[in-house]
Amino acid sequence: MRGAFGQVSVAVAVALFCVTADAAPGSVAARPGGGQRAEAMSAEELIAQGEVLDKKLEASEALGFYLAAEKMEPKNAHLMVCIARQYRHLMQDAPAKQEKLRLGHVALDYSARAAAAGPNDAEAQLDTAISLGKMVPFMSIKEQVKATPQVKQSADKAIALDPKDDTAWHILGRWNRVLADVNTAKRALAGMFFGSLPKGSNEEAERDMRKALELNPDRLMHYIELGRIYAQMGRKEDARFYINKGLAMPDVEKDDPEVKQHGRETLAKLH
């Protein structure tokens, strides 16, 4: 029975989203350093400096400025999203599962705060889906099943608020691909012990990912994920075309190397 549970776990988790050592707020790495003293900076200036470091993928350093700004604007939805993203980046770099989960929960808490502070903000509503997606592979099976509909709810809210959010469409497409791959036996087993799993379809996954690609053709993750959808549909030539196109693009985002690795693994399975 344990083996069957493991199959359900793999089907749900290996990637719902596979839409980042923690520097605690009081540690040296979490304090703004150099240049103007943080005490003399406004929240706007702190956030701007954090965003400069954020773009360089310097999570610990960016977090220091963001956390300083949080003291002044604890209900700033955009700021909560920025803080959550840094914890997700730190989570991705953490070596141990428990540390990843700890950082993931911190990120998820800030995502929830963002959603509460920005009920009409698509970015704030989507952030819960992103944080949950990063945590799913490290959760228990019961937690994975519980998180699955929450991811879709978050993405749906974001799309309703901003239909041009390519990240939201990407997450929805990946959600559909993963759920479409859960067969009847695994779905019944999950429902018996952990609660029912929602249903997804490859056709909806393709539609969602094509929408994401149309909205932003400069992100390699859209090409590679669309290729993975086509691989699951048995459309091998289309799969190779889109995955190879994504692989040829330069790494820009934190997740790009991992996304490319998933693409290579999919290519290796095509015959």
Foldseek 3Di string as FASTA:
>chain_A
DVVLQVVLLCLLAVFLPLLQVDDDQPHPLLAADDDDHLVPDALVRLQVVLVVVVQVVSLSNSNNSLVSSCVVVVLALVSLLSNLHSLHNHLVVDDDLVSSLVSLVVSLVSLVSSCVSCVLALSSLQSNLVSCRSNSSSDRSLVSQVCLVVNLVSLVSSCVNPVLPLSSLQSVLSSQLSQQPQDPVSQVVCCVPRNGHDHHHLVSSLVSLVSSCVSPVQALLSLQVNLLSCLVVVNNVSNCVSLVVSLPHDDRDSSSVSSNVVSVVSNVPRD
